[in-house]
């Protein structure tokens, strides 16, 4: 077991944990920290970052599991409907922007060939 790799992994985990729920880019901090620590090669580091961020997302889902289950089983209640509506309103602008940039980036890629 490579103790240096374990320590670098622990540092990356601490950076993710400290920055995930702040209004700053945890991904950006992981990239900077990974470059600074010379943590793995680019492809392996990308996979590590995806997995560690998935862990943070699953932690939130686990923390709010009772609320999510309540909303899923009581969609006829006004509070649950409001919650679902708020999620949709929060998601919609990002979906529109994401799809717009997706199509834009695909078209740029086809022009460069």
PDB file of N, CA and C in Angstrom:
ATOM      1  N   UNK A   1       0.853  -1.188   0.000  1.00  0.00           N
ATOM      2  CA  UNK A   1       0.000   0.000   0.000  1.00  0.00           C
ATOM      3  C   UNK A   1       0.893   1.243   0.000  1.00  0.00           C
ATOM      4  N   UNK A   2       0.583   2.144  -0.888  1.00  0.00           N
ATOM      5  CA  UNK A   2       1.349   3.377  -1.017  1.00  0.00           C
ATOM      6  C   UNK A   2       0.781   4.423  -0.051  1.00  0.00           C
ATOM      7  N   UNK A   3       1.505   4.680   1.029  1.00  0.00           N
ATOM      8  CA  UNK A   3       1.022   5.601   2.071  1.00  0.00           C
ATOM      9  C   UNK A   3       0.888   7.030   1.537  1.00  0.00           C
ATOM     10  N   UNK A   4       1.758   7.427   0.613  1.00  0.00           N
ATOM     11  CA  UNK A   4       1.675   8.773   0.030  1.00  0.00           C
ATOM     12  C   UNK A   4       0.373   8.922  -0.748  1.00  0.00           C
ATOM     13  N   UNK A   5       0.014   7.891  -1.523  1.00  0.00           N
ATOM     14  CA  UNK A   5      -1.243   7.939  -2.279  1.00  0.00           C
ATOM     15  C   UNK A   5      -2.441   8.006  -1.331  1.00  0.00           C
ATOM     16  N   UNK A   6      -2.385   7.288  -0.228  1.00  0.00           N
ATOM     17  CA  UNK A   6      -3.467   7.326   0.771  1.00  0.00           C
ATOM     18  C   UNK A   6      -3.582   8.731   1.358  1.00  0.00           C
ATOM     19  N   UNK A   7      -2.456   9.346   1.672  1.00  0.00           N
ATOM     20  CA  UNK A   7      -2.483  10.709   2.228  1.00  0.00           C
ATOM     21  C   UNK A   7      -3.020  11.717   1.214  1.00  0.00           C
ATOM     22  N   UNK A   8      -2.591  11.579  -0.047  1.00  0.00           N
ATOM     23  CA  UNK A   8      -3.105  12.478  -1.090  1.00  0.00           C
ATOM     24  C   UNK A   8      -4.609  12.291  -1.268  1.00  0.00           C
ATOM     25  N   UNK A   9      -5.063  11.042  -1.203  1.00  0.00           N
ATOM     26  CA  UNK A   9      -6.494  10.761  -1.312  1.00  0.00           C
ATOM     27  C   UNK A   9      -7.255  11.388  -0.155  1.00  0.00           C
ATOM     28  N   UNK A  10      -6.700  11.313   1.037  1.00  0.00           N
ATOM     29  CA  UNK A  10      -7.341  11.916   2.212  1.00  0.00           C
ATOM     30  C   UNK A  10      -7.432  13.438   2.054  1.00  0.00           C
ATOM     31  N   UNK A  11      -6.375  14.042   1.539  1.00  0.00           N
ATOM     32  CA  UNK A  11      -6.391  15.500   1.310  1.00  0.00           C
ATOM     33  C   UNK A  11      -7.469  15.855   0.296  1.00  0.00           C
ATOM     34  N   UNK A  12      -7.545  15.083  -0.783  1.00  0.00           N
ATOM     35  CA  UNK A  12      -8.580  15.341  -1.801  1.00  0.00           C
ATOM     36  C   UNK A  12      -9.977  15.201  -1.180  1.00  0.00           C
ATOM     37  N   UNK A  13     -10.175  14.200  -0.337  1.00  0.00           N
ATOM     38  CA  UNK A  13     -11.457  14.032   0.338  1.00  0.00           C
ATOM     39  C   UNK A  13     -11.787  15.193   1.254  1.00  0.00           C
ATOM     40  N   UNK A  14     -10.789  15.693   1.970  1.00  0.00           N
ATOM     41  CA  UNK A  14     -11.005  16.848   2.844  1.00  0.00           C
ATOM     42  C   UNK A  14     -11.367  18.094   2.031  1.00  0.00           C
ATOM     43  N   UNK A  15     -10.701  18.279   0.913  1.00  0.00           N
ATOM     44  CA  UNK A  15     -11.005  19.429   0.044  1.00  0.00           C
ATOM     45  C   UNK A  15     -12.442  19.319  -0.467  1.00  0.00           C
ATOM     46  N   UNK A  16     -12.833  18.132  -0.919  1.00  0.00           N
ATOM     47  CA  UNK A  16     -14.209  17.933  -1.400  1.00  0.00           C
ATOM     48  C   UNK A  16     -15.215  18.203  -0.287  1.00  0.00           C
ATOM     49  N   UNK A  17     -14.958  17.641   0.880  1.00  0.00           N
ATOM     50  CA  UNK A  17     -15.883  17.823   2.000  1.00  0.00           C
ATOM     51  C   UNK A  17     -15.989  19.264   2.459  1.00  0.00           C
ATOM     52  N   UNK A  18     -14.876  19.982   2.415  1.00  0.00           N
ATOM     53  CA  UNK A  18     -14.876  21.372   2.875  1.00  0.00           C
ATOM     54  C   UNK A  18     -15.504  22.323   1.870  1.00  0.00           C
ATOM     55  N   UNK A  19     -15.470  21.970   0.576  1.00  0.00           N
ATOM     56  CA  UNK A  19     -15.923  22.920  -0.439  1.00  0.00           C
ATOM     57  C   UNK A  19     -17.227  22.543  -1.129  1.00  0.00           C
ATOM     58  N   UNK A  20     -17.731  21.338  -0.939  1.00  0.00           N
ATOM     59  CA  UNK A  20     -18.905  20.884  -1.691  1.00  0.00           C
ATOM     60  C   UNK A  20     -20.140  21.737  -1.418  1.00  0.00           C
ATOM     61  N   UNK A  21     -20.359  22.113  -0.190  1.00  0.00           N
ATOM     62  CA  UNK A  21     -21.600  22.804   0.154  1.00  0.00           C
ATOM     63  C   UNK A  21     -21.410  24.300   0.346  1.00  0.00           C
ATOM     64  N   UNK A  22     -20.278  24.810  -0.083  1.00  0.00           N
ATOM     65  CA  UNK A  22     -20.048  26.245  -0.078  1.00  0.00           C
ATOM     66  C   UNK A  22     -20.339  26.780  -1.482  1.00  0.00           C
ATOM     67  N   UNK A  23     -20.659  28.059  -1.584  1.00  0.00           N
ATOM     68  CA  UNK A  23     -20.968  28.612  -2.918  1.00  0.00           C
ATOM     69  C   UNK A  23     -19.702  28.896  -3.729  1.00  0.00           C
ATOM     70  N   UNK A  24     -18.822  27.903  -3.762  1.00  0.00           N
ATOM     71  CA  UNK A  24     -17.605  27.974  -4.565  1.00  0.00           C
ATOM     72  C   UNK A  24     -17.498  26.641  -5.315  1.00  0.00           C
ATOM     73  N   UNK A  25     -16.624  26.558  -6.259  1.00  0.00           N
ATOM     74  CA  UNK A  25     -16.518  25.353  -7.089  1.00  0.00           C
ATOM     75  C   UNK A  25     -15.669  24.293  -6.401  1.00  0.00           C
ATOM     76  N   UNK A  26     -16.318  23.247  -5.909  1.00  0.00           N
ATOM     77  CA  UNK A  26     -15.556  22.150  -5.318  1.00  0.00           C
ATOM     78  C   UNK A  26     -14.762  21.430  -6.401  1.00  0.00           C
ATOM     79  N   UNK A  27     -15.314  21.364  -7.610  1.00  0.00           N
ATOM     80  CA  UNK A  27     -14.601  20.718  -8.714  1.00  0.00           C
ATOM     81  C   UNK A  27     -13.324  21.489  -9.034  1.00  0.00           C
ATOM     82  N   UNK A  28     -13.413  22.791  -9.080  1.00  0.00           N
ATOM     83  CA  UNK A  28     -12.229  23.609  -9.334  1.00  0.00           C
ATOM     84  C   UNK A  28     -11.167  23.416  -8.271  1.00  0.00           C
ATOM     85  N   UNK A  29     -11.606  23.339  -7.026  1.00  0.00           N
ATOM     86  CA  UNK A  29     -10.648  23.123  -5.946  1.00  0.00           C
ATOM     87  C   UNK A  29     -10.015  21.735  -6.023  1.00  0.00           C
ATOM     88  N   UNK A  30     -10.806  20.746  -6.440  1.00  0.00           N
ATOM     89  CA  UNK A  30     -10.241  19.397  -6.612  1.00  0.00           C
ATOM     90  C   UNK A  30      -9.201  19.384  -7.730  1.00  0.00           C
ATOM     91  N   UNK A  31      -9.479  20.084  -8.806  1.00  0.00           N
ATOM     92  CA  UNK A  31      -8.532  20.137  -9.923  1.00  0.00           C
ATOM     93  C   UNK A  31      -7.232  20.810  -9.493  1.00  0.00           C
ATOM     94  N   UNK A  32      -7.354  21.946  -8.823  1.00  0.00           N
ATOM     95  CA  UNK A  32      -6.167  22.673  -8.375  1.00  0.00           C
ATOM     96  C   UNK A  32      -5.371  21.844  -7.374  1.00  0.00           C
ATOM     97  N   UNK A  33      -6.079  21.250  -6.415  1.00  0.00           N
ATOM     98  CA  UNK A  33      -5.405  20.436  -5.404  1.00  0.00           C
ATOM     99  C   UNK A  33      -4.754  19.214  -6.041  1.00  0.00           C
ATOM    100  N   UNK A  34      -5.466  18.567  -6.968  1.00  0.00           N
ATOM    101  CA  UNK A  34      -4.902  17.405  -7.654  1.00  0.00           C
ATOM    102  C   UNK A  34      -3.651  17.750  -8.434  1.00  0.00           C
ATOM    103  N   UNK A  35      -3.650  18.894  -9.099  1.00  0.00           N
ATOM    104  CA  UNK A  35      -2.460  19.335  -9.835  1.00  0.00           C
ATOM    105  C   UNK A  35      -1.306  19.628  -8.873  1.00  0.00           C
ATOM    106  N   UNK A  36      -1.632  20.307  -7.785  1.00  0.00           N
ATOM    107  CA  UNK A  36      -0.612  20.664  -6.793  1.00  0.00           C
ATOM    108  C   UNK A  36       0.016  19.410  -6.173  1.00  0.00           C
ATOM    109  N   UNK A  37      -0.814  18.420  -5.858  1.00  0.00           N
ATOM    110  CA  UNK A  37      -0.327  17.189  -5.223  1.00  0.00           C
ATOM    111  C   UNK A  37       0.223  16.178  -6.228  1.00  0.00           C
ATOM    112  N   UNK A  38       0.085  16.493  -7.521  1.00  0.00           N
ATOM    113  CA  UNK A  38       0.425  15.525  -8.570  1.00  0.00           C
ATOM    114  C   UNK A  38      -0.291  14.204  -8.300  1.00  0.00           C
ATOM    115  N   UNK A  39      -1.598  14.313  -8.097  1.00  0.00           N
ATOM    116  CA  UNK A  39      -2.450  13.184  -7.721  1.00  0.00           C
ATOM    117  C   UNK A  39      -2.892  12.427  -8.962  1.00  0.00           C
ATOM    118  N   UNK A  40      -2.346  11.254  -9.166  1.00  0.00           N
ATOM    119  CA  UNK A  40      -2.697  10.358 -10.267  1.00  0.00           C
ATOM    120  C   UNK A  40      -2.524  11.045 -11.617  1.00  0.00           C
ATOM    121  N   UNK A  41      -2.769  10.305 -12.677  1.00  0.00           N
ATOM    122  CA  UNK A  41      -2.769  10.929 -13.998  1.00  0.00           C
ATOM    123  C   UNK A  41      -4.157  11.506 -14.263  1.00  0.00           C
ATOM    124  N   UNK A  42      -4.288  12.283 -15.317  1.00  0.00           N
ATOM    125  CA  UNK A  42      -5.523  13.034 -15.594  1.00  0.00           C
ATOM    126  C   UNK A  42      -6.753  12.142 -15.654  1.00  0.00           C
ATOM    127  N   UNK A  43      -6.693  11.027 -16.385  1.00  0.00           N
ATOM    128  CA  UNK A  43      -7.874  10.163 -16.532  1.00  0.00           C
ATOM    129  C   UNK A  43      -8.288   9.540 -15.210  1.00  0.00           C
ATOM    130  N   UNK A  44      -7.334   9.048 -14.450  1.00  0.00           N
ATOM    131  CA  UNK A  44      -7.656   8.438 -13.157  1.00  0.00           C
ATOM    132  C   UNK A  44      -8.184   9.487 -12.180  1.00  0.00           C
ATOM    133  N   UNK A  45      -7.614  10.677 -12.229  1.00  0.00           N
ATOM    134  CA  UNK A  45      -8.075  11.747 -11.340  1.00  0.00           C
ATOM    135  C   UNK A  45      -9.503  12.155 -11.676  1.00  0.00           C
ATOM    136  N   UNK A  46      -9.835  12.211 -12.971  1.00  0.00           N
ATOM    137  CA  UNK A  46     -11.204  12.546 -13.372  1.00  0.00           C
ATOM    138  C   UNK A  46     -12.200  11.531 -12.816  1.00  0.00           C
ATOM    139  N   UNK A  47     -11.857  10.250 -12.905  1.00  0.00           N
ATOM    140  CA  UNK A  47     -12.736   9.207 -12.358  1.00  0.00           C
ATOM    141  C   UNK A  47     -12.858   9.368 -10.847  1.00  0.00           C
ATOM    142  N   UNK A  48     -11.748   9.626 -10.182  1.00  0.00           N
ATOM    143  CA  UNK A  48     -11.771   9.829  -8.730  1.00  0.00           C
ATOM    144  C   UNK A  48     -12.681  10.996  -8.364  1.00  0.00           C
ATOM    145  N   UNK A  49     -12.582  12.098  -9.084  1.00  0.00           N
ATOM    146  CA  UNK A  49     -13.401  13.275  -8.793  1.00  0.00           C
ATOM    147  C   UNK A  49     -14.883  12.976  -8.996  1.00  0.00           C
ATOM    148  N   UNK A  50     -15.211  12.226 -10.028  1.00  0.00           N
ATOM    149  CA  UNK A  50     -16.611  11.864 -10.259  1.00  0.00           C
ATOM    150  C   UNK A  50     -17.130  11.018  -9.112  1.00  0.00           C
ATOM    151  N   UNK A  51     -16.359  10.036  -8.701  1.00  0.00           N
ATOM    152  CA  UNK A  51     -16.789   9.135  -7.630  1.00  0.00           C
ATOM    153  C   UNK A  51     -16.920   9.883  -6.312  1.00  0.00           C
ATOM    154  N   UNK A  52     -15.963  10.741  -5.999  1.00  0.00           N
ATOM    155  CA  UNK A  52     -16.019  11.443  -4.719  1.00  0.00           C
ATOM    156  C   UNK A  52     -17.190  12.437  -4.696  1.00  0.00           C
ATOM    157  N   UNK A  53     -17.509  13.055  -5.841  1.00  0.00           N
ATOM    158  CA  UNK A  53     -18.645  13.961  -5.881  1.00  0.00           C
ATOM    159  C   UNK A  53     -19.959  13.198  -5.861  1.00  0.00           C
ATOM    160  N   UNK A  54     -19.984  12.015  -6.455  1.00  0.00           N
ATOM    161  CA  UNK A  54     -21.169  11.162  -6.342  1.00  0.00           C
ATOM    162  C   UNK A  54     -21.428  10.808  -4.883  1.00  0.00           C
ATOM    163  N   UNK A  55     -20.357  10.564  -4.144  1.00  0.00           N
ATOM    164  CA  UNK A  55     -20.501  10.293  -2.718  1.00  0.00           C
ATOM    165  C   UNK A  55     -21.140  11.462  -1.973  1.00  0.00           C
ATOM    166  N   UNK A  56     -20.760  12.677  -2.322  1.00  0.00           N
ATOM    167  CA  UNK A  56     -21.350  13.858  -1.683  1.00  0.00           C
ATOM    168  C   UNK A  56     -22.831  13.980  -2.030  1.00  0.00           C
ATOM    169  N   UNK A  57     -23.175  13.706  -3.285  1.00  0.00           N
ATOM    170  CA  UNK A  57     -24.580  13.767  -3.697  1.00  0.00           C
ATOM    171  C   UNK A  57     -25.399  12.705  -2.973  1.00  0.00           C
ATOM    172  N   UNK A  58     -24.858  11.498  -2.886  1.00  0.00           N
ATOM    173  CA  UNK A  58     -25.571  10.420  -2.185  1.00  0.00           C
ATOM    174  C   UNK A  58     -25.726  10.725  -0.699  1.00  0.00           C
ATOM    175  N   UNK A  59     -24.767  11.423  -0.117  1.00  0.00           N
ATOM    176  CA  UNK A  59     -24.891  11.817   1.287  1.00  0.00           C
ATOM    177  C   UNK A  59     -26.074  12.764   1.476  1.00  0.00           C
ATOM    178  N   UNK A  60     -26.270  13.680   0.549  1.00  0.00           N
ATOM    179  CA  UNK A  60     -27.418  14.596   0.628  1.00  0.00           C
ATOM    180  C   UNK A  60     -28.724  13.827   0.458  1.00  0.00           C
ATOM    181  N   UNK A  61     -28.758  12.927  -0.512  1.00  0.00           N
ATOM    182  CA  UNK A  61     -29.969  12.122  -0.727  1.00  0.00           C
ATOM    183  C   UNK A  61     -30.271  11.301   0.526  1.00  0.00           C
ATOM    184  N   UNK A  62     -29.244  10.726   1.131  1.00  0.00           N
ATOM    185  CA  UNK A  62     -29.446   9.933   2.346  1.00  0.00           C
ATOM    186  C   UNK A  62     -29.961  10.811   3.486  1.00  0.00           C
ATOM    187  N   UNK A  63     -29.414  11.985   3.622  1.00  0.00           N
ATOM    188  CA  UNK A  63     -29.836  12.894   4.699  1.00  0.00           C
ATOM    189  C   UNK A  63     -31.303  13.303   4.547  1.00  0.00           C
ATOM    190  N   UNK A  64     -31.745  13.497   3.319  1.00  0.00           N
ATOM    191  CA  UNK A  64     -33.109  13.952   3.058  1.00  0.00           C
ATOM    192  C   UNK A  64     -34.026  12.825   2.598  1.00  0.00           C
ATOM    193  N   UNK A  65     -33.641  11.593   2.800  1.00  0.00           N
ATOM    194  CA  UNK A  65     -34.422  10.452   2.302  1.00  0.00           C
ATOM    195  C   UNK A  65     -35.847  10.438   2.838  1.00  0.00           C
ATOM    196  N   UNK A  66     -36.029  10.778   4.108  1.00  0.00           N
ATOM    197  CA  UNK A  66     -37.391  10.776   4.670  1.00  0.00           C
ATOM    198  C   UNK A  66     -38.254  11.842   3.995  1.00  0.00           C
ATOM    199  N   UNK A  67     -37.688  12.995   3.761  1.00  0.00           N
ATOM    200  CA  UNK A  67     -38.448  14.059   3.102  1.00  0.00           C
ATOM    201  C   UNK A  67     -38.786  13.662   1.669  1.00  0.00           C
ATOM    202  N   UNK A  68     -37.813  13.109   0.947  1.00  0.00           N
ATOM    203  CA  UNK A  68     -38.067  12.670  -0.426  1.00  0.00           C
ATOM    204  C   UNK A  68     -39.145  11.595  -0.467  1.00  0.00           C
ATOM    205  N   UNK A  69     -39.078  10.635   0.449  1.00  0.00           N
ATOM    206  CA  UNK A  69     -40.080   9.568   0.485  1.00  0.00           C
ATOM    207  C   UNK A  69     -41.462  10.138   0.813  1.00  0.00           C
ATOM    208  N   UNK A  70     -41.509  11.084   1.750  1.00  0.00           N
ATOM    209  CA  UNK A  70     -42.788  11.701   2.102  1.00  0.00           C
ATOM    210  C   UNK A  70     -43.388  12.425   0.892  1.00  0.00           C
ATOM    211  N   UNK A  71     -42.547  13.170   0.195  1.00  0.00           N
ATOM    212  CA  UNK A  71     -43.030  13.892  -0.982  1.00  0.00           C
ATOM    213  C   UNK A  71     -43.498  12.906  -2.053  1.00  0.00           C
ATOM    214  N   UNK A  72     -42.741  11.836  -2.265  1.00  0.00           N
ATOM    215  CA  UNK A  72     -43.099  10.862  -3.303  1.00  0.00           C
ATOM    216  C   UNK A  72     -44.406  10.145  -2.989  1.00  0.00           C
ATOM    217  N   UNK A  73     -44.696   9.967  -1.728  1.00  0.00           N
ATOM    218  CA  UNK A  73     -45.919   9.235  -1.356  1.00  0.00           C
ATOM    219  C   UNK A  73     -47.099  10.143  -1.062  1.00  0.00           C
ATOM    220  N   UNK A  74     -46.897  11.444  -1.104  1.00  0.00           N
ATOM    221  CA  UNK A  74     -47.997  12.359  -0.783  1.00  0.00           C
ATOM    222  C   UNK A  74     -48.064  13.513  -1.774  1.00  0.00           C
ATOM    223  N   UNK A  75     -48.050  13.206  -3.044  1.00  0.00           N
ATOM    224  CA  UNK A  75     -48.072  14.256  -4.063  1.00  0.00           C
ATOM    225  C   UNK A  75     -49.397  15.007  -4.135  1.00  0.00           C
ATOM    226  N   UNK A  76     -50.407  14.519  -3.442  1.00  0.00           N
ATOM    227  CA  UNK A  76     -51.683  15.236  -3.441  1.00  0.00           C
ATOM    228  C   UNK A  76     -51.725  16.329  -2.373  1.00  0.00           C
ATOM    229  N   UNK A  77     -50.733  16.389  -1.496  1.00  0.00           N
ATOM    230  CA  UNK A  77     -50.682  17.438  -0.469  1.00  0.00           C
ATOM    231  C   UNK A  77     -50.057  18.711  -1.062  1.00  0.00           C
ATOM    232  N   UNK A  78     -50.584  19.877  -0.678  1.00  0.00           N
ATOM    233  CA  UNK A  78     -50.054  21.138  -1.222  1.00  0.00           C
ATOM    234  C   UNK A  78     -48.561  21.347  -0.953  1.00  0.00           C
ATOM    235  N   UNK A  79     -48.084  20.969   0.234  1.00  0.00           N
ATOM    236  CA  UNK A  79     -46.664  21.157   0.544  1.00  0.00           C
ATOM    237  C   UNK A  79     -45.778  20.319  -0.382  1.00  0.00           C
ATOM    238  N   UNK A  80     -46.195  19.098  -0.650  1.00  0.00           N
ATOM    239  CA  UNK A  80     -45.433  18.227  -1.546  1.00  0.00           C
ATOM    240  C   UNK A  80     -45.468  18.763  -2.971  1.00  0.00           C
ATOM    241  N   UNK A  81     -46.618  19.244  -3.401  1.00  0.00           N
ATOM    242  CA  UNK A  81     -46.729  19.819  -4.737  1.00  0.00           C
ATOM    243  C   UNK A  81     -45.842  21.055  -4.870  1.00  0.00           C
ATOM    244  N   UNK A  82     -45.811  21.877  -3.824  1.00  0.00           N
ATOM    245  CA  UNK A  82     -44.964  23.073  -3.831  1.00  0.00           C
ATOM    246  C   UNK A  82     -43.488  22.685  -3.909  1.00  0.00           C
ATOM    247  N   UNK A  83     -43.107  21.640  -3.181  1.00  0.00           N
ATOM    248  CA  UNK A  83     -41.721  21.163  -3.202  1.00  0.00           C
ATOM    249  C   UNK A  83     -41.325  20.710  -4.610  1.00  0.00           C
ATOM    250  N   UNK A  84     -42.167  19.919  -5.247  1.00  0.00           N
ATOM    251  CA  UNK A  84     -41.894  19.435  -6.600  1.00  0.00           C
ATOM    252  C   UNK A  84     -41.845  20.606  -7.583  1.00  0.00           C
ATOM    253  N   UNK A  85     -42.764  21.550  -7.435  1.00  0.00           N
ATOM    254  CA  UNK A  85     -42.777  22.730  -8.299  1.00  0.00           C
ATOM    255  C   UNK A  85     -41.487  23.534  -8.135  1.00  0.00           C
ATOM    256  N   UNK A  86     -41.044  23.725  -6.887  1.00  0.00           N
ATOM    257  CA  UNK A  86     -39.805  24.467  -6.632  1.00  0.00           C
ATOM    258  C   UNK A  86     -38.596  23.760  -7.249  1.00  0.00           C
ATOM    259  N   UNK A  87     -38.554  22.435  -7.166  1.00  0.00           N
ATOM    260  CA  UNK A  87     -37.480  21.686  -7.804  1.00  0.00           C
ATOM    261  C   UNK A  87     -37.488  21.900  -9.316  1.00  0.00           C
ATOM    262  N   UNK A  88     -38.665  21.862  -9.895  1.00  0.00           N
ATOM    263  CA  UNK A  88     -38.793  22.053 -11.336  1.00  0.00           C
ATOM    264  C   UNK A  88     -38.352  23.457 -11.738  1.00  0.00           C
ATOM    265  N   UNK A  89     -38.777  24.475 -10.997  1.00  0.00           N
ATOM    266  CA  UNK A  89     -38.405  25.863 -11.301  1.00  0.00           C
ATOM    267  C   UNK A  89     -36.897  26.044 -11.175  1.00  0.00           C
ATOM    268  N   UNK A  90     -36.280  25.398 -10.182  1.00  0.00           N
ATOM    269  CA  UNK A  90     -34.832  25.507 -10.011  1.00  0.00           C
ATOM    270  C   UNK A  90     -34.087  24.767 -11.117  1.00  0.00           C
ATOM    271  N   UNK A  91     -34.651  23.684 -11.615  1.00  0.00           N
ATOM    272  CA  UNK A  91     -33.998  22.860 -12.622  1.00  0.00           C
ATOM    273  C   UNK A  91     -34.147  23.429 -14.034  1.00  0.00           C
ATOM    274  N   UNK A  92     -35.278  24.023 -14.336  1.00  0.00           N
ATOM    275  CA  UNK A  92     -35.598  24.437 -15.696  1.00  0.00           C
ATOM    276  C   UNK A  92     -34.578  25.389 -16.322  1.00  0.00           C
ATOM    277  N   UNK A  93     -34.188  26.477 -15.669  1.00  0.00           N
ATOM    278  CA  UNK A  93     -33.218  27.383 -16.315  1.00  0.00           C
ATOM    279  C   UNK A  93     -31.890  26.684 -16.618  1.00  0.00           C
ATOM    280  N   UNK A  94     -31.428  25.865 -15.702  1.00  0.00           N
ATOM    281  CA  UNK A  94     -30.175  25.166 -15.925  1.00  0.00           C
ATOM    282  C   UNK A  94     -30.295  24.167 -17.071  1.00  0.00           C
ATOM    283  N   UNK A  95     -31.428  23.498 -17.179  1.00  0.00           N
ATOM    284  CA  UNK A  95     -31.643  22.556 -18.275  1.00  0.00           C
ATOM    285  C   UNK A  95     -31.633  23.283 -19.622  1.00  0.00           C
ATOM    286  N   UNK A  96     -32.280  24.428 -19.676  1.00  0.00           N
ATOM    287  CA  UNK A  96     -32.327  25.204 -20.923  1.00  0.00           C
ATOM    288  C   UNK A  96     -30.917  25.676 -21.308  1.00  0.00           C
ATOM    289  N   UNK A  97     -30.194  26.207 -20.337  1.00  0.00           N
ATOM    290  CA  UNK A  97     -28.828  26.672 -20.605  1.00  0.00           C
ATOM    291  C   UNK A  97     -27.946  25.500 -21.011  1.00  0.00           C
ATOM    292  N   UNK A  98     -28.057  24.387 -20.295  1.00  0.00           N
ATOM    293  CA  UNK A  98     -27.249  23.213 -20.616  1.00  0.00           C
ATOM    294  C   UNK A  98     -27.524  22.681 -22.003  1.00  0.00           C
ATOM    295  N   UNK A  99     -28.782  22.585 -22.380  1.00  0.00           N
ATOM    296  CA  UNK A  99     -29.124  22.098 -23.711  1.00  0.00           C
ATOM    297  C   UNK A  99     -28.665  23.068 -24.800  1.00  0.00           C
ATOM    298  N   UNK A 100     -28.806  24.353 -24.525  1.00  0.00           N
ATOM    299  CA  UNK A 100     -28.358  25.360 -25.495  1.00  0.00           C
ATOM    300  C   UNK A 100     -26.859  25.231 -25.742  1.00  0.00           C
ATOM    301  N   UNK A 101     -26.093  25.166 -24.659  1.00  0.00           N
ATOM    302  CA  UNK A 101     -24.647  25.048 -24.819  1.00  0.00           C
ATOM    303  C   UNK A 101     -24.258  23.696 -25.406  1.00  0.00           C
ATOM    304  N   UNK A 102     -24.997  22.658 -25.098  1.00  0.00           N
ATOM    305  CA  UNK A 102     -24.712  21.339 -25.655  1.00  0.00           C
ATOM    306  C   UNK A 102     -24.821  21.384 -27.179  1.00  0.00           C
ATOM    307  N   UNK A 103     -25.916  21.909 -27.686  1.00  0.00           N
ATOM    308  CA  UNK A 103     -26.093  21.995 -29.133  1.00  0.00           C
ATOM    309  C   UNK A 103     -25.077  22.948 -29.760  1.00  0.00           C
ATOM    310  N   UNK A 104     -24.782  24.039 -29.066  1.00  0.00           N
ATOM    311  CA  UNK A 104     -23.794  24.997 -29.561  1.00  0.00           C
ATOM    312  C   UNK A 104     -22.418  24.342 -29.660  1.00  0.00           C
ATOM    313  N   UNK A 105     -22.022  23.621 -28.628  1.00  0.00           N
ATOM    314  CA  UNK A 105     -20.705  22.981 -28.610  1.00  0.00           C
ATOM    315  C   UNK A 105     -20.618  21.864 -29.651  1.00  0.00           C
ATOM    316  N   UNK A 106     -21.701  21.135 -29.844  1.00  0.00           N
ATOM    317  CA  UNK A 106     -21.695  20.086 -30.880  1.00  0.00           C
ATOM    318  C   UNK A 106     -21.531  20.709 -32.265  1.00  0.00           C
ATOM    319  N   UNK A 107     -22.173  21.844 -32.499  1.00  0.00           N
ATOM    320  CA  UNK A 107     -22.066  22.498 -33.806  1.00  0.00           C
ATOM    321  C   UNK A 107     -20.656  23.051 -34.019  1.00  0.00           C
ATOM    322  N   UNK A 108     -20.047  23.582 -32.988  1.00  0.00           N
ATOM    323  CA  UNK A 108     -18.659  24.068 -33.112  1.00  0.00           C
ATOM    324  C   UNK A 108     -17.753  22.901 -33.460  1.00  0.00           C
ATOM    325  N   UNK A 109     -17.945  21.763 -32.810  1.00  0.00           N
ATOM    326  CA  UNK A 109     -17.115  20.586 -33.076  1.00  0.00           C
ATOM    327  C   UNK A 109     -17.244  20.116 -34.507  1.00  0.00           C
ATOM    328  N   UNK A 110     -18.449  20.210 -35.068  1.00  0.00           N
ATOM    329  CA  UNK A 110     -18.632  19.750 -36.441  1.00  0.00           C
ATOM    330  C   UNK A 110     -18.005  20.720 -37.446  1.00  0.00           C
ATOM    331  N   UNK A 111     -17.884  22.005 -37.096  1.00  0.00           N
ATOM    332  CA  UNK A 111     -17.256  22.977 -37.990  1.00  0.00           C
ATOM    333  C   UNK A 111     -15.737  22.827 -38.021  1.00  0.00           C
ATOM    334  N   UNK A 112     -15.161  22.322 -36.956  1.00  0.00           N
ATOM    335  CA  UNK A 112     -13.703  22.229 -36.869  1.00  0.00           C
ATOM    336  C   UNK A 112     -13.144  21.026 -37.609  1.00  0.00           C
ATOM    337  N   UNK A 113     -13.952  20.086 -37.996  1.00  0.00           N
ATOM    338  CA  UNK A 113     -13.458  18.875 -38.656  1.00  0.00           C
ATOM    339  C   UNK A 113     -13.124  19.099 -40.097  1.00  0.00           C
TER     340      UNK A 113
END
